[in-house]
Amino acid sequence: MCRNIKTLFNFDPPATEDEIHAAALQFVRKLSGFNTPSKANEAAFNTAIDEVAAVAQKLLSSLVTNAEPRNRQIEIERARIRSIKRFGPSAK
């Protein structure tokens, strides 16, 4: 799985359309192997992004859970701590 695709379900506030679109873009890039498609493939690439985003939105809106929604700021801080443990503090 592409590391740039983040979990979008069960957050407060919910995932935005931009976040879902960004995840769809990363997914299509990963599948196609293109960062930017050629002019010949641009229409198919953009259609795939729109369709994946629509399916992702449908999935996220249909999922249910009894768990409390996760706080974005807390999750960002946890990810930062994991990164420091894994790679060490960044040089500034």
PDB file of N, CA and C in Angstrom:
ATOM      1  N   MET A   1       0.843  -1.176   0.000  1.00  0.00           N
ATOM      2  CA  MET A   1       0.000   0.000   0.000  1.00  0.00           C
ATOM      3  C   MET A   1       0.884   1.233   0.000  1.00  0.00           C
ATOM      4  N   CYS A   2       0.460   2.216  -0.690  1.00  0.00           N
ATOM      5  CA  CYS A   2       1.196   3.477  -0.750  1.00  0.00           C
ATOM      6  C   CYS A   2       1.175   4.158   0.617  1.00  0.00           C
ATOM      7  N   ARG A   3       2.334   4.557   1.090  1.00  0.00           N
ATOM      8  CA  ARG A   3       2.401   5.173   2.415  1.00  0.00           C
ATOM      9  C   ARG A   3       1.728   6.533   2.466  1.00  0.00           C
ATOM     10  N   ASN A   4       1.503   7.164   1.328  1.00  0.00           N
ATOM     11  CA  ASN A   4       0.874   8.484   1.319  1.00  0.00           C
ATOM     12  C   ASN A   4      -0.636   8.417   1.480  1.00  0.00           C
ATOM     13  N   ILE A   5      -1.222   7.249   1.361  1.00  0.00           N
ATOM     14  CA  ILE A   5      -2.656   7.109   1.533  1.00  0.00           C
ATOM     15  C   ILE A   5      -2.929   6.916   3.014  1.00  0.00           C
ATOM     16  N   LYS A   6      -3.677   7.824   3.588  1.00  0.00           N
ATOM     17  CA  LYS A   6      -3.939   7.816   5.025  1.00  0.00           C
ATOM     18  C   LYS A   6      -5.327   7.265   5.309  1.00  0.00           C
ATOM     19  N   THR A   7      -5.500   6.714   6.511  1.00  0.00           N
ATOM     20  CA  THR A   7      -6.814   6.257   6.959  1.00  0.00           C
ATOM     21  C   THR A   7      -7.736   7.473   7.044  1.00  0.00           C
ATOM     22  N   LEU A   8      -8.929   7.343   6.496  1.00  0.00           N
ATOM     23  CA  LEU A   8      -9.868   8.468   6.469  1.00  0.00           C
ATOM     24  C   LEU A   8     -11.139   8.200   7.269  1.00  0.00           C
ATOM     25  N   PHE A   9     -11.327   6.978   7.733  1.00  0.00           N
ATOM     26  CA  PHE A   9     -12.559   6.612   8.421  1.00  0.00           C
ATOM     27  C   PHE A   9     -12.475   6.883   9.912  1.00  0.00           C
ATOM     28  N   ASN A  10     -13.583   7.309  10.482  1.00  0.00           N
ATOM     29  CA  ASN A  10     -13.797   7.483  11.912  1.00  0.00           C
ATOM     30  C   ASN A  10     -12.929   8.588  12.519  1.00  0.00           C
ATOM     31  N   PHE A  11     -12.913   9.726  11.867  1.00  0.00           N
ATOM     32  CA  PHE A  11     -12.236  10.903  12.401  1.00  0.00           C
ATOM     33  C   PHE A  11     -13.256  11.991  12.680  1.00  0.00           C
ATOM     34  N   ASP A  12     -12.911  12.818  13.627  1.00  0.00           N
ATOM     35  CA  ASP A  12     -13.735  13.984  13.942  1.00  0.00           C
ATOM     36  C   ASP A  12     -12.867  15.211  13.754  1.00  0.00           C
ATOM     37  N   PRO A  13     -13.126  16.058  12.796  1.00  0.00           N
ATOM     38  CA  PRO A  13     -14.201  16.032  11.813  1.00  0.00           C
ATOM     39  C   PRO A  13     -13.950  14.980  10.729  1.00  0.00           C
ATOM     40  N   PRO A  14     -15.013  14.570  10.024  1.00  0.00           N
ATOM     41  CA  PRO A  14     -14.883  13.548   8.981  1.00  0.00           C
ATOM     42  C   PRO A  14     -13.960  14.003   7.847  1.00  0.00           C
ATOM     43  N   ALA A  15     -13.524  13.043   7.059  1.00  0.00           N
ATOM     44  CA  ALA A  15     -12.665  13.327   5.913  1.00  0.00           C
ATOM     45  C   ALA A  15     -13.356  14.280   4.952  1.00  0.00           C
ATOM     46  N   THR A  16     -12.570  15.187   4.397  1.00  0.00           N
ATOM     47  CA  THR A  16     -13.105  16.151   3.430  1.00  0.00           C
ATOM     48  C   THR A  16     -13.039  15.571   2.026  1.00  0.00           C
ATOM     49  N   GLU A  17     -13.726  16.215   1.104  1.00  0.00           N
ATOM     50  CA  GLU A  17     -13.666  15.789  -0.299  1.00  0.00           C
ATOM     51  C   GLU A  17     -12.241  15.889  -0.821  1.00  0.00           C
ATOM     52  N   ASP A  18     -11.509  16.914  -0.394  1.00  0.00           N
ATOM     53  CA  ASP A  18     -10.117  17.072  -0.835  1.00  0.00           C
ATOM     54  C   ASP A  18      -9.237  15.919  -0.350  1.00  0.00           C
ATOM     55  N   GLU A  19      -9.434  15.479   0.889  1.00  0.00           N
ATOM     56  CA  GLU A  19      -8.652  14.357   1.416  1.00  0.00           C
ATOM     57  C   GLU A  19      -8.970  13.072   0.656  1.00  0.00           C
ATOM     58  N   ILE A  20     -10.241  12.866   0.361  1.00  0.00           N
ATOM     59  CA  ILE A  20     -10.646  11.672  -0.381  1.00  0.00           C
ATOM     60  C   ILE A  20     -10.092  11.725  -1.798  1.00  0.00           C
ATOM     61  N   HIS A  21     -10.142  12.894  -2.427  1.00  0.00           N
ATOM     62  CA  HIS A  21      -9.594  13.053  -3.774  1.00  0.00           C
ATOM     63  C   HIS A  21      -8.085  12.811  -3.780  1.00  0.00           C
ATOM     64  N   ALA A  22      -7.376  13.316  -2.769  1.00  0.00           N
ATOM     65  CA  ALA A  22      -5.927  13.111  -2.691  1.00  0.00           C
ATOM     66  C   ALA A  22      -5.595  11.631  -2.538  1.00  0.00           C
ATOM     67  N   ALA A  23      -6.366  10.911  -1.738  1.00  0.00           N
ATOM     68  CA  ALA A  23      -6.145   9.471  -1.579  1.00  0.00           C
ATOM     69  C   ALA A  23      -6.414   8.742  -2.899  1.00  0.00           C
ATOM     70  N   ALA A  24      -7.472   9.150  -3.602  1.00  0.00           N
ATOM     71  CA  ALA A  24      -7.791   8.538  -4.895  1.00  0.00           C
ATOM     72  C   ALA A  24      -6.670   8.800  -5.901  1.00  0.00           C
ATOM     73  N   LEU A  25      -6.145  10.016  -5.903  1.00  0.00           N
ATOM     74  CA  LEU A  25      -5.041  10.360  -6.795  1.00  0.00           C
ATOM     75  C   LEU A  25      -3.824   9.482  -6.509  1.00  0.00           C
ATOM     76  N   GLN A  26      -3.465   9.315  -5.246  1.00  0.00           N
ATOM     77  CA  GLN A  26      -2.327   8.471  -4.889  1.00  0.00           C
ATOM     78  C   GLN A  26      -2.558   7.017  -5.296  1.00  0.00           C
ATOM     79  N   PHE A  27      -3.793   6.539  -5.108  1.00  0.00           N
ATOM     80  CA  PHE A  27      -4.126   5.165  -5.471  1.00  0.00           C
ATOM     81  C   PHE A  27      -3.984   4.955  -6.979  1.00  0.00           C
ATOM     82  N   VAL A  28      -4.523   5.872  -7.774  1.00  0.00           N
ATOM     83  CA  VAL A  28      -4.445   5.747  -9.238  1.00  0.00           C
ATOM     84  C   VAL A  28      -2.992   5.880  -9.699  1.00  0.00           C
ATOM     85  N   ARG A  29      -2.238   6.772  -9.089  1.00  0.00           N
ATOM     86  CA  ARG A  29      -0.816   6.887  -9.431  1.00  0.00           C
ATOM     87  C   ARG A  29      -0.090   5.574  -9.167  1.00  0.00           C
ATOM     88  N   LYS A  30      -0.394   4.959  -8.025  1.00  0.00           N
ATOM     89  CA  LYS A  30       0.257   3.704  -7.661  1.00  0.00           C
ATOM     90  C   LYS A  30      -0.103   2.597  -8.654  1.00  0.00           C
ATOM     91  N   LEU A  31      -1.387   2.490  -8.978  1.00  0.00           N
ATOM     92  CA  LEU A  31      -1.823   1.442  -9.904  1.00  0.00           C
ATOM     93  C   LEU A  31      -1.259   1.630 -11.305  1.00  0.00           C
ATOM     94  N   SER A  32      -1.263   2.878 -11.775  1.00  0.00           N
ATOM     95  CA  SER A  32      -0.867   3.147 -13.154  1.00  0.00           C
ATOM     96  C   SER A  32       0.648   3.230 -13.323  1.00  0.00           C
ATOM     97  N   GLY A  33       1.346   3.599 -12.259  1.00  0.00           N
ATOM     98  CA  GLY A  33       2.783   3.802 -12.376  1.00  0.00           C
ATOM     99  C   GLY A  33       3.132   5.175 -12.910  1.00  0.00           C
ATOM    100  N   PHE A  34       2.125   6.016 -13.111  1.00  0.00           N
ATOM    101  CA  PHE A  34       2.341   7.379 -13.613  1.00  0.00           C
ATOM    102  C   PHE A  34       2.203   8.381 -12.479  1.00  0.00           C
ATOM    103  N   ASN A  35       3.140   9.301 -12.385  1.00  0.00           N
ATOM    104  CA  ASN A  35       2.952  10.431 -11.491  1.00  0.00           C
ATOM    105  C   ASN A  35       2.085  11.468 -12.195  1.00  0.00           C
ATOM    106  N   THR A  36       2.423  11.705 -13.450  1.00  0.00           N
ATOM    107  CA  THR A  36       1.632  12.563 -14.332  1.00  0.00           C
ATOM    108  C   THR A  36       1.471  11.798 -15.644  1.00  0.00           C
ATOM    109  N   PRO A  37       0.238  11.556 -16.084  1.00  0.00           N
ATOM    110  CA  PRO A  37       0.047  10.772 -17.310  1.00  0.00           C
ATOM    111  C   PRO A  37       0.369  11.586 -18.563  1.00  0.00           C
ATOM    112  N   SER A  38       0.605  10.877 -19.644  1.00  0.00           N
ATOM    113  CA  SER A  38       0.784  11.535 -20.936  1.00  0.00           C
ATOM    114  C   SER A  38      -0.554  12.095 -21.389  1.00  0.00           C
ATOM    115  N   LYS A  39      -0.526  12.953 -22.379  1.00  0.00           N
ATOM    116  CA  LYS A  39      -1.770  13.518 -22.926  1.00  0.00           C
ATOM    117  C   LYS A  39      -2.706  12.411 -23.407  1.00  0.00           C
ATOM    118  N   ALA A  40      -2.138  11.341 -23.961  1.00  0.00           N
ATOM    119  CA  ALA A  40      -2.950  10.232 -24.467  1.00  0.00           C
ATOM    120  C   ALA A  40      -3.690   9.514 -23.337  1.00  0.00           C
ATOM    121  N   ASN A  41      -3.115   9.502 -22.142  1.00  0.00           N
ATOM    122  CA  ASN A  41      -3.720   8.795 -21.009  1.00  0.00           C
ATOM    123  C   ASN A  41      -4.395   9.712 -20.002  1.00  0.00           C
ATOM    124  N   GLU A  42      -4.337  11.013 -20.217  1.00  0.00           N
ATOM    125  CA  GLU A  42      -4.832  11.974 -19.232  1.00  0.00           C
ATOM    126  C   GLU A  42      -6.322  11.814 -18.936  1.00  0.00           C
ATOM    127  N   ALA A  43      -7.139  11.620 -19.944  1.00  0.00           N
ATOM    128  CA  ALA A  43      -8.587  11.488 -19.736  1.00  0.00           C
ATOM    129  C   ALA A  43      -8.903  10.240 -18.917  1.00  0.00           C
ATOM    130  N   ALA A  44      -8.282   9.114 -19.266  1.00  0.00           N
ATOM    131  CA  ALA A  44      -8.523   7.867 -18.527  1.00  0.00           C
ATOM    132  C   ALA A  44      -8.033   8.001 -17.085  1.00  0.00           C
ATOM    133  N   PHE A  45      -6.903   8.647 -16.888  1.00  0.00           N
ATOM    134  CA  PHE A  45      -6.318   8.857 -15.569  1.00  0.00           C
ATOM    135  C   PHE A  45      -7.265   9.696 -14.699  1.00  0.00           C
ATOM    136  N   ASN A  46      -7.745  10.818 -15.247  1.00  0.00           N
ATOM    137  CA  ASN A  46      -8.642  11.700 -14.496  1.00  0.00           C
ATOM    138  C   ASN A  46      -9.994  11.046 -14.216  1.00  0.00           C
ATOM    139  N   THR A  47     -10.496  10.273 -15.165  1.00  0.00           N
ATOM    140  CA  THR A  47     -11.748   9.548 -14.954  1.00  0.00           C
ATOM    141  C   THR A  47     -11.585   8.533 -13.830  1.00  0.00           C
ATOM    142  N   ALA A  48     -10.457   7.840 -13.828  1.00  0.00           N
ATOM    143  CA  ALA A  48     -10.195   6.853 -12.777  1.00  0.00           C
ATOM    144  C   ALA A  48     -10.135   7.524 -11.404  1.00  0.00           C
ATOM    145  N   ILE A  49      -9.498   8.672 -11.311  1.00  0.00           N
ATOM    146  CA  ILE A  49      -9.423   9.396 -10.040  1.00  0.00           C
ATOM    147  C   ILE A  49     -10.822   9.753  -9.551  1.00  0.00           C
ATOM    148  N   ASP A  50     -11.651  10.288 -10.442  1.00  0.00           N
ATOM    149  CA  ASP A  50     -13.019  10.668 -10.062  1.00  0.00           C
ATOM    150  C   ASP A  50     -13.828   9.461  -9.614  1.00  0.00           C
ATOM    151  N   GLU A  51     -13.697   8.345 -10.330  1.00  0.00           N
ATOM    152  CA  GLU A  51     -14.459   7.149  -9.987  1.00  0.00           C
ATOM    153  C   GLU A  51     -13.982   6.539  -8.664  1.00  0.00           C
ATOM    154  N   VAL A  52     -12.677   6.490  -8.446  1.00  0.00           N
ATOM    155  CA  VAL A  52     -12.144   5.957  -7.185  1.00  0.00           C
ATOM    156  C   VAL A  52     -12.582   6.853  -6.029  1.00  0.00           C
ATOM    157  N   ALA A  53     -12.550   8.161  -6.215  1.00  0.00           N
ATOM    158  CA  ALA A  53     -12.979   9.089  -5.161  1.00  0.00           C
ATOM    159  C   ALA A  53     -14.459   8.888  -4.831  1.00  0.00           C
ATOM    160  N   ALA A  54     -15.276   8.678  -5.842  1.00  0.00           N
ATOM    161  CA  ALA A  54     -16.710   8.461  -5.612  1.00  0.00           C
ATOM    162  C   ALA A  54     -16.950   7.164  -4.835  1.00  0.00           C
ATOM    163  N   VAL A  55     -16.257   6.118  -5.209  1.00  0.00           N
ATOM    164  CA  VAL A  55     -16.399   4.833  -4.511  1.00  0.00           C
ATOM    165  C   VAL A  55     -15.882   4.954  -3.074  1.00  0.00           C
ATOM    166  N   ALA A  56     -14.774   5.665  -2.892  1.00  0.00           N
ATOM    167  CA  ALA A  56     -14.221   5.855  -1.549  1.00  0.00           C
ATOM    168  C   ALA A  56     -15.198   6.636  -0.675  1.00  0.00           C
ATOM    169  N   GLN A  57     -15.824   7.673  -1.238  1.00  0.00           N
ATOM    170  CA  GLN A  57     -16.805   8.449  -0.487  1.00  0.00           C
ATOM    171  C   GLN A  57     -17.994   7.580  -0.097  1.00  0.00           C
ATOM    172  N   LYS A  58     -18.448   6.741  -1.027  1.00  0.00           N
ATOM    173  CA  LYS A  58     -19.559   5.833  -0.743  1.00  0.00           C
ATOM    174  C   LYS A  58     -19.182   4.848   0.359  1.00  0.00           C
ATOM    175  N   LEU A  59     -17.969   4.318   0.296  1.00  0.00           N
ATOM    176  CA  LEU A  59     -17.497   3.394   1.323  1.00  0.00           C
ATOM    177  C   LEU A  59     -17.464   4.073   2.690  1.00  0.00           C
ATOM    178  N   LEU A  60     -16.838   5.240   2.765  1.00  0.00           N
ATOM    179  CA  LEU A  60     -16.710   5.940   4.042  1.00  0.00           C
ATOM    180  C   LEU A  60     -18.060   6.292   4.643  1.00  0.00           C
ATOM    181  N   SER A  61     -19.022   6.646   3.799  1.00  0.00           N
ATOM    182  CA  SER A  61     -20.342   7.013   4.324  1.00  0.00           C
ATOM    183  C   SER A  61     -21.165   5.798   4.734  1.00  0.00           C
ATOM    184  N   SER A  62     -20.790   4.610   4.262  1.00  0.00           N
ATOM    185  CA  SER A  62     -21.568   3.423   4.607  1.00  0.00           C
ATOM    186  C   SER A  62     -20.969   2.622   5.769  1.00  0.00           C
ATOM    187  N   LEU A  63     -19.723   2.895   6.134  1.00  0.00           N
ATOM    188  CA  LEU A  63     -19.095   2.176   7.238  1.00  0.00           C
ATOM    189  C   LEU A  63     -19.690   2.614   8.573  1.00  0.00           C
ATOM    190  N   VAL A  64     -19.779   1.673   9.511  1.00  0.00           N
ATOM    191  CA  VAL A  64     -20.285   1.983  10.851  1.00  0.00           C
ATOM    192  C   VAL A  64     -19.291   1.451  11.886  1.00  0.00           C
ATOM    193  N   THR A  65     -19.281   2.088  13.042  1.00  0.00           N
ATOM    194  CA  THR A  65     -18.420   1.653  14.132  1.00  0.00           C
ATOM    195  C   THR A  65     -19.019   2.105  15.452  1.00  0.00           C
ATOM    196  N   ASN A  66     -18.687   1.389  16.503  1.00  0.00           N
ATOM    197  CA  ASN A  66     -19.083   1.789  17.842  1.00  0.00           C
ATOM    198  C   ASN A  66     -17.964   2.554  18.541  1.00  0.00           C
ATOM    199  N   ALA A  67     -16.793   2.593  17.921  1.00  0.00           N
ATOM    200  CA  ALA A  67     -15.641   3.278  18.503  1.00  0.00           C
ATOM    201  C   ALA A  67     -15.834   4.788  18.443  1.00  0.00           C
ATOM    202  N   GLU A  68     -15.256   5.455  19.404  1.00  0.00           N
ATOM    203  CA  GLU A  68     -15.279   6.917  19.410  1.00  0.00           C
ATOM    204  C   GLU A  68     -14.458   7.431  18.227  1.00  0.00           C
ATOM    205  N   PRO A  69     -14.887   8.518  17.605  1.00  0.00           N
ATOM    206  CA  PRO A  69     -14.081   9.095  16.514  1.00  0.00           C
ATOM    207  C   PRO A  69     -12.704   9.513  17.027  1.00  0.00           C
ATOM    208  N   ARG A  70     -11.711   9.322  16.176  1.00  0.00           N
ATOM    209  CA  ARG A  70     -10.345   9.701  16.537  1.00  0.00           C
ATOM    210  C   ARG A  70     -10.152  11.194  16.305  1.00  0.00           C
ATOM    211  N   ASN A  71      -9.330  11.784  17.142  1.00  0.00           N
ATOM    212  CA  ASN A  71      -9.005  13.197  17.038  1.00  0.00           C
ATOM    213  C   ASN A  71      -7.813  13.347  16.099  1.00  0.00           C
ATOM    214  N   ARG A  72      -7.955  14.180  15.083  1.00  0.00           N
ATOM    215  CA  ARG A  72      -6.888  14.346  14.097  1.00  0.00           C
ATOM    216  C   ARG A  72      -5.585  14.843  14.716  1.00  0.00           C
ATOM    217  N   GLN A  73      -5.684  15.799  15.613  1.00  0.00           N
ATOM    218  CA  GLN A  73      -4.468  16.363  16.207  1.00  0.00           C
ATOM    219  C   GLN A  73      -3.714  15.323  17.035  1.00  0.00           C
ATOM    220  N   ILE A  74      -4.436  14.506  17.767  1.00  0.00           N
ATOM    221  CA  ILE A  74      -3.791  13.453  18.552  1.00  0.00           C
ATOM    222  C   ILE A  74      -3.122  12.439  17.635  1.00  0.00           C
ATOM    223  N   GLU A  75      -3.790  12.072  16.557  1.00  0.00           N
ATOM    224  CA  GLU A  75      -3.208  11.112  15.613  1.00  0.00           C
ATOM    225  C   GLU A  75      -1.981  11.687  14.926  1.00  0.00           C
ATOM    226  N   ILE A  76      -1.983  12.973  14.608  1.00  0.00           N
ATOM    227  CA  ILE A  76      -0.812  13.615  14.003  1.00  0.00           C
ATOM    228  C   ILE A  76       0.363  13.577  14.972  1.00  0.00           C
ATOM    229  N   GLU A  77       0.095  13.862  16.234  1.00  0.00           N
ATOM    230  CA  GLU A  77       1.147  13.836  17.242  1.00  0.00           C
ATOM    231  C   GLU A  77       1.697  12.419  17.422  1.00  0.00           C
ATOM    232  N   ARG A  78       0.837  11.424  17.435  1.00  0.00           N
ATOM    233  CA  ARG A  78       1.294  10.025  17.545  1.00  0.00           C
ATOM    234  C   ARG A  78       2.176   9.652  16.360  1.00  0.00           C
ATOM    235  N   ALA A  79       1.785  10.078  15.161  1.00  0.00           N
ATOM    236  CA  ALA A  79       2.578   9.787  13.963  1.00  0.00           C
ATOM    237  C   ALA A  79       3.938  10.477  14.039  1.00  0.00           C
ATOM    238  N   ARG A  80       3.966  11.692  14.557  1.00  0.00           N
ATOM    239  CA  ARG A  80       5.221  12.425  14.705  1.00  0.00           C
ATOM    240  C   ARG A  80       6.150  11.687  15.675  1.00  0.00           C
ATOM    241  N   ILE A  81       5.606  11.208  16.778  1.00  0.00           N
ATOM    242  CA  ILE A  81       6.402  10.473  17.765  1.00  0.00           C
ATOM    243  C   ILE A  81       6.934   9.168  17.170  1.00  0.00           C
ATOM    244  N   ARG A  82       6.086   8.448  16.419  1.00  0.00           N
ATOM    245  CA  ARG A  82       6.540   7.210  15.763  1.00  0.00           C
ATOM    246  C   ARG A  82       7.670   7.505  14.776  1.00  0.00           C
ATOM    247  N   SER A  83       7.544   8.608  14.060  1.00  0.00           N
ATOM    248  CA  SER A  83       8.567   8.992  13.093  1.00  0.00           C
ATOM    249  C   SER A  83       9.893   9.295  13.780  1.00  0.00           C
ATOM    250  N   ILE A  84       9.836  10.000  14.902  1.00  0.00           N
ATOM    251  CA  ILE A  84      11.058  10.310  15.648  1.00  0.00           C
ATOM    252  C   ILE A  84      11.714   9.029  16.152  1.00  0.00           C
ATOM    253  N   LYS A  85      10.894   8.107  16.664  1.00  0.00           N
ATOM    254  CA  LYS A  85      11.440   6.831  17.150  1.00  0.00           C
ATOM    255  C   LYS A  85      12.089   6.047  16.014  1.00  0.00           C
ATOM    256  N   ARG A  86      11.485   6.110  14.838  1.00  0.00           N
ATOM    257  CA  ARG A  86      11.985   5.324  13.714  1.00  0.00           C
ATOM    258  C   ARG A  86      13.198   5.963  13.038  1.00  0.00           C
ATOM    259  N   PHE A  87      13.122   7.289  12.815  1.00  0.00           N
ATOM    260  CA  PHE A  87      14.154   7.961  12.028  1.00  0.00           C
ATOM    261  C   PHE A  87      15.046   8.900  12.838  1.00  0.00           C
ATOM    262  N   GLY A  88      14.683   9.149  14.091  1.00  0.00           N
ATOM    263  CA  GLY A  88      15.431  10.090  14.914  1.00  0.00           C
ATOM    264  C   GLY A  88      14.929  11.513  14.707  1.00  0.00           C
ATOM    265  N   PRO A  89      15.326  12.415  15.577  1.00  0.00           N
ATOM    266  CA  PRO A  89      14.870  13.808  15.446  1.00  0.00           C
ATOM    267  C   PRO A  89      15.440  14.429  14.177  1.00  0.00           C
ATOM    268  N   SER A  90      14.650  15.269  13.549  1.00  0.00           N
ATOM    269  CA  SER A  90      15.099  15.913  12.306  1.00  0.00           C
ATOM    270  C   SER A  90      16.102  17.007  12.637  1.00  0.00           C
ATOM    271  N   ALA A  91      17.052  17.170  11.773  1.00  0.00           N
ATOM    272  CA  ALA A  91      18.058  18.234  11.951  1.00  0.00           C
ATOM    273  C   ALA A  91      17.462  19.547  11.502  1.00  0.00           C
ATOM    274  N   LYS A  92      17.547  20.554  12.352  1.00  0.00           N
ATOM    275  CA  LYS A  92      17.007  21.867  11.977  1.00  0.00           C
ATOM    276  C   LYS A  92      18.096  22.870  11.834  1.00  0.00           C
TER     277      LYS A  92
END
